[in-house]
Amino acid sequence: MALCFTFLLGLRDGQIALWSSDNPEPVKVFPYPVSMLPQEAVDALEKGIPIESEDDLRKLIQQYLS
């Protein structure tokens, strides 16, 4: 069974990236080094964090990039 998501937050070349469920390439790569994040956050991003709403997306972006 495939995982359904609107967006996926993950890592691309050591930076946080955002994918749309219908695009194999990131729609946005944030110029923020993941080395600044706690290891727990890096582990979650390495696995990929499915995001189902814009509100969830805003919260995660704010959490990881602030």
Protein backbone atom coordinates (compact mmCIF):
# COMPACT_ATOMS: atom_id res chain seq x y z
CA MET A 1 0.00 0.00 0.00
CA ALA A 2 1.47 3.35 -1.04
CA LEU A 3 1.74 6.22 1.39
CA CYS A 4 -0.49 9.13 0.40
CA PHE A 5 0.80 12.62 0.98
CA THR A 6 0.52 16.07 -0.50
CA PHE A 7 4.12 17.02 0.26
CA LEU A 8 7.19 15.29 1.60
CA LEU A 9 9.86 17.09 3.61
CA GLY A 10 13.27 15.47 3.39
CA LEU A 11 16.93 15.99 2.56
CA ARG A 12 18.63 16.81 -0.72
CA ASP A 13 22.39 17.36 -0.83
CA GLY A 14 22.58 18.16 2.89
CA GLN A 15 19.74 20.68 2.82
CA ILE A 16 16.05 20.50 3.65
CA ALA A 17 13.93 19.94 0.55
CA LEU A 18 10.24 19.82 -0.20
CA TRP A 19 8.67 17.46 -2.73
CA SER A 20 5.17 17.46 -4.14
CA SER A 21 3.60 14.02 -4.35
CA ASP A 22 3.38 14.27 -8.15
CA ASN A 23 6.95 15.43 -8.83
CA PRO A 24 10.18 13.38 -8.48
CA GLU A 25 12.24 16.58 -8.18
CA PRO A 26 11.99 18.89 -5.16
CA VAL A 27 9.74 21.90 -5.57
CA LYS A 28 11.88 23.83 -3.08
CA VAL A 29 15.32 23.38 -1.51
CA PHE A 30 15.92 25.50 1.55
CA PRO A 31 19.47 26.88 1.90
CA TYR A 32 19.72 25.76 5.50
CA PRO A 33 22.43 23.28 6.54
CA VAL A 34 21.00 20.26 8.33
CA SER A 35 24.12 20.20 10.48
CA MET A 36 22.39 22.93 12.51
CA LEU A 37 19.51 20.58 13.42
CA PRO A 38 19.33 18.08 16.27
CA GLN A 39 20.11 14.49 15.23
CA GLU A 40 16.49 13.46 15.85
CA ALA A 41 15.31 15.97 13.23
CA VAL A 42 17.97 14.85 10.75
CA ASP A 43 16.93 11.21 11.21
CA ALA A 44 13.28 12.10 10.53
CA LEU A 45 14.21 14.12 7.43
CA GLU A 46 16.39 11.27 6.13
CA LYS A 47 13.35 8.98 6.24
CA GLY A 48 11.06 11.68 4.81
CA ILE A 49 8.19 13.38 6.59
CA PRO A 50 4.85 13.11 4.79
CA ILE A 51 2.77 16.27 5.03
CA GLU A 52 -0.95 16.24 4.40
CA SER A 53 -1.90 19.90 4.89
CA GLU A 54 -0.49 23.37 4.37
CA ASP A 55 -0.84 24.01 8.10
CA ASP A 56 1.37 20.99 8.90
CA LEU A 57 3.84 22.16 6.27
CA ARG A 58 4.03 25.65 7.78
CA LYS A 59 4.59 24.24 11.27
CA LEU A 60 7.40 21.94 10.17
CA ILE A 61 9.13 24.61 8.10
CA GLN A 62 8.97 27.00 11.03
CA GLN A 63 10.23 24.32 13.42
CA TYR A 64 13.19 23.29 11.26
CA LEU A 65 14.18 26.64 9.81
CA SER A 66 13.86 28.95 12.80
